[in-house]
Amino acid sequence: MKRPVVTCPQCGKSVAWDNSNPFRPFCSERCKLIDLGQWATESYRIPDTGKDSEKQESDPSGSEK
């Protein structure tokens, strides 16, 4: 059976997805730590659509009436 191959989300290198790679989906510990650092410094963000913030501004308690 052929092993699935994925792309490292950090550097783009092709990596076999199997139990022999403890860093999957990353190719190495270095790429894994770089990604962790980006999360820790809040480099990754989900864009704000503004819909939830408008509700919170009109009702600061967050409860619906």
PDB file of N, CA and C in Angstrom:
ATOM      1  N   MET A   1       0.834  -1.181   0.000  1.00  0.00           N
ATOM      2  CA  MET A   1       0.000   0.000   0.000  1.00  0.00           C
ATOM      3  C   MET A   1       0.883   1.250   0.000  1.00  0.00           C
ATOM      4  N   LYS A   2       0.507   2.202  -0.813  1.00  0.00           N
ATOM      5  CA  LYS A   2       1.291   3.422  -0.952  1.00  0.00           C
ATOM      6  C   LYS A   2       1.000   4.378   0.211  1.00  0.00           C
ATOM      7  N   ARG A   3       2.051   4.947   0.781  1.00  0.00           N
ATOM      8  CA  ARG A   3       1.899   5.894   1.881  1.00  0.00           C
ATOM      9  C   ARG A   3       1.406   7.241   1.342  1.00  0.00           C
ATOM     10  N   PRO A   4       0.472   7.879   2.057  1.00  0.00           N
ATOM     11  CA  PRO A   4       0.049   9.211   1.622  1.00  0.00           C
ATOM     12  C   PRO A   4       1.182  10.221   1.806  1.00  0.00           C
ATOM     13  N   VAL A   5       1.263  11.145   0.896  1.00  0.00           N
ATOM     14  CA  VAL A   5       2.282  12.191   0.958  1.00  0.00           C
ATOM     15  C   VAL A   5       1.569  13.525   1.134  1.00  0.00           C
ATOM     16  N   VAL A   6       2.032  14.316   2.103  1.00  0.00           N
ATOM     17  CA  VAL A   6       1.476  15.641   2.355  1.00  0.00           C
ATOM     18  C   VAL A   6       2.583  16.683   2.209  1.00  0.00           C
ATOM     19  N   THR A   7       2.184  17.921   2.154  1.00  0.00           N
ATOM     20  CA  THR A   7       3.140  19.020   2.058  1.00  0.00           C
ATOM     21  C   THR A   7       3.286  19.659   3.429  1.00  0.00           C
ATOM     22  N   CYS A   8       4.510  19.883   3.845  1.00  0.00           N
ATOM     23  CA  CYS A   8       4.773  20.551   5.126  1.00  0.00           C
ATOM     24  C   CYS A   8       4.143  21.945   5.074  1.00  0.00           C
ATOM     25  N   PRO A   9       3.274  22.275   6.041  1.00  0.00           N
ATOM     26  CA  PRO A   9       2.615  23.584   6.007  1.00  0.00           C
ATOM     27  C   PRO A   9       3.576  24.762   6.194  1.00  0.00           C
ATOM     28  N   GLN A  10       4.768  24.504   6.674  1.00  0.00           N
ATOM     29  CA  GLN A  10       5.720  25.595   6.927  1.00  0.00           C
ATOM     30  C   GLN A  10       6.640  25.848   5.735  1.00  0.00           C
ATOM     31  N   CYS A  11       7.286  24.792   5.233  1.00  0.00           N
ATOM     32  CA  CYS A  11       8.291  24.993   4.177  1.00  0.00           C
ATOM     33  C   CYS A  11       7.876  24.465   2.806  1.00  0.00           C
ATOM     34  N   GLY A  12       6.819  23.644   2.761  1.00  0.00           N
ATOM     35  CA  GLY A  12       6.332  23.139   1.485  1.00  0.00           C
ATOM     36  C   GLY A  12       6.975  21.843   1.025  1.00  0.00           C
ATOM     37  N   LYS A  13       7.861  21.274   1.807  1.00  0.00           N
ATOM     38  CA  LYS A  13       8.535  20.031   1.456  1.00  0.00           C
ATOM     39  C   LYS A  13       7.544  18.864   1.499  1.00  0.00           C
ATOM     40  N   SER A  14       7.679  17.895   0.605  1.00  0.00           N
ATOM     41  CA  SER A  14       6.826  16.710   0.608  1.00  0.00           C
ATOM     42  C   SER A  14       7.253  15.759   1.713  1.00  0.00           C
ATOM     43  N   VAL A  15       6.257  15.249   2.474  1.00  0.00           N
ATOM     44  CA  VAL A  15       6.531  14.402   3.622  1.00  0.00           C
ATOM     45  C   VAL A  15       5.568  13.218   3.612  1.00  0.00           C
ATOM     46  N   ALA A  16       6.095  12.016   3.886  1.00  0.00           N
ATOM     47  CA  ALA A  16       5.235  10.836   3.996  1.00  0.00           C
ATOM     48  C   ALA A  16       4.440  10.918   5.296  1.00  0.00           C
ATOM     49  N   TRP A  17       3.139  10.649   5.207  1.00  0.00           N
ATOM     50  CA  TRP A  17       2.267  10.690   6.391  1.00  0.00           C
ATOM     51  C   TRP A  17       2.210   9.290   6.972  1.00  0.00           C
ATOM     52  N   ASP A  18       3.083   9.012   7.950  1.00  0.00           N
ATOM     53  CA  ASP A  18       3.067   7.713   8.621  1.00  0.00           C
ATOM     54  C   ASP A  18       3.648   7.855  10.020  1.00  0.00           C
ATOM     55  N   ASN A  19       3.600   6.786  10.769  1.00  0.00           N
ATOM     56  CA  ASN A  19       4.045   6.821  12.170  1.00  0.00           C
ATOM     57  C   ASN A  19       5.538   7.026  12.343  1.00  0.00           C
ATOM     58  N   SER A  20       6.319   6.885  11.291  1.00  0.00           N
ATOM     59  CA  SER A  20       7.764   7.073  11.407  1.00  0.00           C
ATOM     60  C   SER A  20       8.148   8.562  11.501  1.00  0.00           C
ATOM     61  N   ASN A  21       7.203   9.458  11.189  1.00  0.00           N
ATOM     62  CA  ASN A  21       7.469  10.890  11.282  1.00  0.00           C
ATOM     63  C   ASN A  21       6.748  11.456  12.510  1.00  0.00           C
ATOM     64  N   PRO A  22       7.457  11.683  13.611  1.00  0.00           N
ATOM     65  CA  PRO A  22       6.819  12.183  14.836  1.00  0.00           C
ATOM     66  C   PRO A  22       6.394  13.649  14.736  1.00  0.00           C
ATOM     67  N   PHE A  23       6.795  14.346  13.682  1.00  0.00           N
ATOM     68  CA  PHE A  23       6.502  15.771  13.548  1.00  0.00           C
ATOM     69  C   PHE A  23       5.358  16.052  12.572  1.00  0.00           C
ATOM     70  N   ARG A  24       4.721  15.003  12.049  1.00  0.00           N
ATOM     71  CA  ARG A  24       3.699  15.224  11.041  1.00  0.00           C
ATOM     72  C   ARG A  24       2.608  16.156  11.536  1.00  0.00           C
ATOM     73  N   PRO A  25       2.082  17.035  10.759  1.00  0.00           N
ATOM     74  CA  PRO A  25       2.221  17.166   9.312  1.00  0.00           C
ATOM     75  C   PRO A  25       3.465  17.930   8.878  1.00  0.00           C
ATOM     76  N   PHE A  26       4.335  18.275   9.827  1.00  0.00           N
ATOM     77  CA  PHE A  26       5.552  19.014   9.495  1.00  0.00           C
ATOM     78  C   PHE A  26       6.658  18.047   9.108  1.00  0.00           C
ATOM     79  N   CYS A  27       7.675  18.560   8.398  1.00  0.00           N
ATOM     80  CA  CYS A  27       8.769  17.700   7.954  1.00  0.00           C
ATOM     81  C   CYS A  27       9.829  17.523   9.038  1.00  0.00           C
ATOM     82  N   SER A  28       9.900  18.464   9.980  1.00  0.00           N
ATOM     83  CA  SER A  28      10.956  18.406  11.002  1.00  0.00           C
ATOM     84  C   SER A  28      10.516  19.142  12.267  1.00  0.00           C
ATOM     85  N   GLU A  29      11.290  18.968  13.315  1.00  0.00           N
ATOM     86  CA  GLU A  29      11.002  19.674  14.558  1.00  0.00           C
ATOM     87  C   GLU A  29      11.147  21.181  14.349  1.00  0.00           C
ATOM     88  N   ARG A  30      12.092  21.582  13.521  1.00  0.00           N
ATOM     89  CA  ARG A  30      12.305  23.008  13.245  1.00  0.00           C
ATOM     90  C   ARG A  30      11.042  23.651  12.683  1.00  0.00           C
ATOM     91  N   CYS A  31      10.433  23.038  11.677  1.00  0.00           N
ATOM     92  CA  CYS A  31       9.217  23.593  11.081  1.00  0.00           C
ATOM     93  C   CYS A  31       8.064  23.593  12.090  1.00  0.00           C
ATOM     94  N   LYS A  32       8.007  22.560  12.913  1.00  0.00           N
ATOM     95  CA  LYS A  32       6.967  22.479  13.937  1.00  0.00           C
ATOM     96  C   LYS A  32       7.116  23.628  14.940  1.00  0.00           C
ATOM     97  N   LEU A  33       8.348  23.909  15.369  1.00  0.00           N
ATOM     98  CA  LEU A  33       8.592  24.978  16.333  1.00  0.00           C
ATOM     99  C   LEU A  33       8.386  26.367  15.728  1.00  0.00           C
ATOM    100  N   ILE A  34       8.712  26.526  14.465  1.00  0.00           N
ATOM    101  CA  ILE A  34       8.462  27.806  13.792  1.00  0.00           C
ATOM    102  C   ILE A  34       6.958  28.080  13.772  1.00  0.00           C
ATOM    103  N   ASP A  35       6.171  27.061  13.448  1.00  0.00           N
ATOM    104  CA  ASP A  35       4.717  27.207  13.413  1.00  0.00           C
ATOM    105  C   ASP A  35       4.164  27.512  14.808  1.00  0.00           C
ATOM    106  N   LEU A  36       4.661  26.829  15.817  1.00  0.00           N
ATOM    107  CA  LEU A  36       4.231  27.083  17.193  1.00  0.00           C
ATOM    108  C   LEU A  36       4.546  28.524  17.595  1.00  0.00           C
ATOM    109  N   GLY A  37       5.716  29.007  17.210  1.00  0.00           N
ATOM    110  CA  GLY A  37       6.091  30.383  17.511  1.00  0.00           C
ATOM    111  C   GLY A  37       5.173  31.385  16.844  1.00  0.00           C
ATOM    112  N   GLN A  38       4.722  31.081  15.626  1.00  0.00           N
ATOM    113  CA  GLN A  38       3.804  31.981  14.937  1.00  0.00           C
ATOM    114  C   GLN A  38       2.444  32.027  15.639  1.00  0.00           C
ATOM    115  N   TRP A  39       2.006  30.901  16.164  1.00  0.00           N
ATOM    116  CA  TRP A  39       0.766  30.900  16.944  1.00  0.00           C
ATOM    117  C   TRP A  39       0.955  31.692  18.232  1.00  0.00           C
ATOM    118  N   ALA A  40       2.091  31.501  18.902  1.00  0.00           N
ATOM    119  CA  ALA A  40       2.346  32.154  20.185  1.00  0.00           C
ATOM    120  C   ALA A  40       2.433  33.675  20.055  1.00  0.00           C
ATOM    121  N   THR A  41       2.952  34.164  18.936  1.00  0.00           N
ATOM    122  CA  THR A  41       3.062  35.614  18.728  1.00  0.00           C
ATOM    123  C   THR A  41       1.833  36.182  18.027  1.00  0.00           C
ATOM    124  N   GLU A  42       0.811  35.346  17.879  1.00  0.00           N
ATOM    125  CA  GLU A  42      -0.456  35.722  17.251  1.00  0.00           C
ATOM    126  C   GLU A  42      -0.295  36.194  15.811  1.00  0.00           C
ATOM    127  N   SER A  43       0.646  35.579  15.088  1.00  0.00           N
ATOM    128  CA  SER A  43       0.802  35.881  13.671  1.00  0.00           C
ATOM    129  C   SER A  43      -0.363  35.334  12.860  1.00  0.00           C
ATOM    130  N   TYR A  44      -0.956  34.253  13.331  1.00  0.00           N
ATOM    131  CA  TYR A  44      -2.129  33.687  12.677  1.00  0.00           C
ATOM    132  C   TYR A  44      -3.367  34.314  13.298  1.00  0.00           C
ATOM    133  N   ARG A  45      -4.248  34.850  12.480  1.00  0.00           N
ATOM    134  CA  ARG A  45      -5.470  35.468  12.980  1.00  0.00           C
ATOM    135  C   ARG A  45      -6.641  35.098  12.078  1.00  0.00           C
ATOM    136  N   ILE A  46      -7.784  34.987  12.693  1.00  0.00           N
ATOM    137  CA  ILE A  46      -9.016  34.756  11.954  1.00  0.00           C
ATOM    138  C   ILE A  46      -9.631  36.121  11.694  1.00  0.00           C
ATOM    139  N   PRO A  47      -9.961  36.435  10.437  1.00  0.00           N
ATOM    140  CA  PRO A  47     -10.489  37.762  10.140  1.00  0.00           C
ATOM    141  C   PRO A  47     -11.833  38.014  10.827  1.00  0.00           C
ATOM    142  N   ASP A  48     -12.021  39.224  11.300  1.00  0.00           N
ATOM    143  CA  ASP A  48     -13.253  39.628  11.963  1.00  0.00           C
ATOM    144  C   ASP A  48     -14.253  40.076  10.905  1.00  0.00           C
ATOM    145  N   THR A  49     -15.437  39.463  10.916  1.00  0.00           N
ATOM    146  CA  THR A  49     -16.462  39.830   9.946  1.00  0.00           C
ATOM    147  C   THR A  49     -17.271  41.025  10.415  1.00  0.00           C
ATOM    148  N   GLY A  50     -17.174  41.380  11.691  1.00  0.00           N
ATOM    149  CA  GLY A  50     -17.874  42.532  12.220  1.00  0.00           C
ATOM    150  C   GLY A  50     -19.266  42.230  12.734  1.00  0.00           C
ATOM    151  N   LYS A  51     -19.837  41.092  12.392  1.00  0.00           N
ATOM    152  CA  LYS A  51     -21.202  40.756  12.805  1.00  0.00           C
ATOM    153  C   LYS A  51     -21.289  40.548  14.311  1.00  0.00           C
ATOM    154  N   ASP A  52     -20.385  39.791  14.889  1.00  0.00           N
ATOM    155  CA  ASP A  52     -20.415  39.532  16.325  1.00  0.00           C
ATOM    156  C   ASP A  52     -20.074  40.777  17.132  1.00  0.00           C
ATOM    157  N   SER A  53     -19.152  41.596  16.641  1.00  0.00           N
ATOM    158  CA  SER A  53     -18.759  42.784  17.393  1.00  0.00           C
ATOM    159  C   SER A  53     -19.897  43.798  17.438  1.00  0.00           C
ATOM    160  N   GLU A  54     -20.749  43.851  16.413  1.00  0.00           N
ATOM    161  CA  GLU A  54     -21.896  44.755  16.430  1.00  0.00           C
ATOM    162  C   GLU A  54     -22.893  44.336  17.499  1.00  0.00           C
ATOM    163  N   LYS A  55     -23.131  43.042  17.675  1.00  0.00           N
ATOM    164  CA  LYS A  55     -24.039  42.551  18.699  1.00  0.00           C
ATOM    165  C   LYS A  55     -23.512  42.866  20.090  1.00  0.00           C
ATOM    166  N   GLN A  56     -22.216  42.702  20.295  1.00  0.00           N
ATOM    167  CA  GLN A  56     -21.620  42.960  21.603  1.00  0.00           C
ATOM    168  C   GLN A  56     -21.663  44.440  21.951  1.00  0.00           C
ATOM    169  N   GLU A  57     -21.524  45.319  20.953  1.00  0.00           N
ATOM    170  CA  GLU A  57     -21.570  46.748  21.218  1.00  0.00           C
ATOM    171  C   GLU A  57     -22.970  47.191  21.628  1.00  0.00           C
ATOM    172  N   SER A  58     -24.018  46.606  21.043  1.00  0.00           N
ATOM    173  CA  SER A  58     -25.381  47.001  21.379  1.00  0.00           C
ATOM    174  C   SER A  58     -25.811  46.423  22.719  1.00  0.00           C
ATOM    175  N   ASP A  59     -25.304  45.254  23.087  1.00  0.00           N
ATOM    176  CA  ASP A  59     -25.649  44.635  24.358  1.00  0.00           C
ATOM    177  C   ASP A  59     -24.369  44.097  25.005  1.00  0.00           C
ATOM    178  N   PRO A  60     -23.724  44.883  25.867  1.00  0.00           N
ATOM    179  CA  PRO A  60     -22.420  44.482  26.438  1.00  0.00           C
ATOM    180  C   PRO A  60     -22.479  43.190  27.258  1.00  0.00           C
ATOM    181  N   SER A  61     -23.654  42.808  27.774  1.00  0.00           N
ATOM    182  CA  SER A  61     -23.740  41.580  28.571  1.00  0.00           C
ATOM    183  C   SER A  61     -23.640  40.345  27.712  1.00  0.00           C
ATOM    184  N   GLY A  62     -23.914  40.514  26.396  1.00  0.00           N
ATOM    185  CA  GLY A  62     -23.825  39.372  25.487  1.00  0.00           C
ATOM    186  C   GLY A  62     -25.066  38.515  25.472  1.00  0.00           C
ATOM    187  N   SER A  63     -26.064  38.846  26.299  1.00  0.00           N
ATOM    188  CA  SER A  63     -27.282  38.065  26.330  1.00  0.00           C
ATOM    189  C   SER A  63     -28.311  38.635  25.370  1.00  0.00           C
ATOM    190  N   GLU A  64     -29.095  37.730  24.810  1.00  0.00           N
ATOM    191  CA  GLU A  64     -30.146  38.155  23.895  1.00  0.00           C
ATOM    192  C   GLU A  64     -31.442  38.315  24.666  1.00  0.00           C
ATOM    193  N   LYS A  65     -32.216  39.327  24.329  1.00  0.00           N
ATOM    194  CA  LYS A  65     -33.478  39.568  25.017  1.00  0.00           C
ATOM    195  C   LYS A  65     -34.650  39.286  24.133  1.00  0.00           C
TER     196      LYS A  65
END
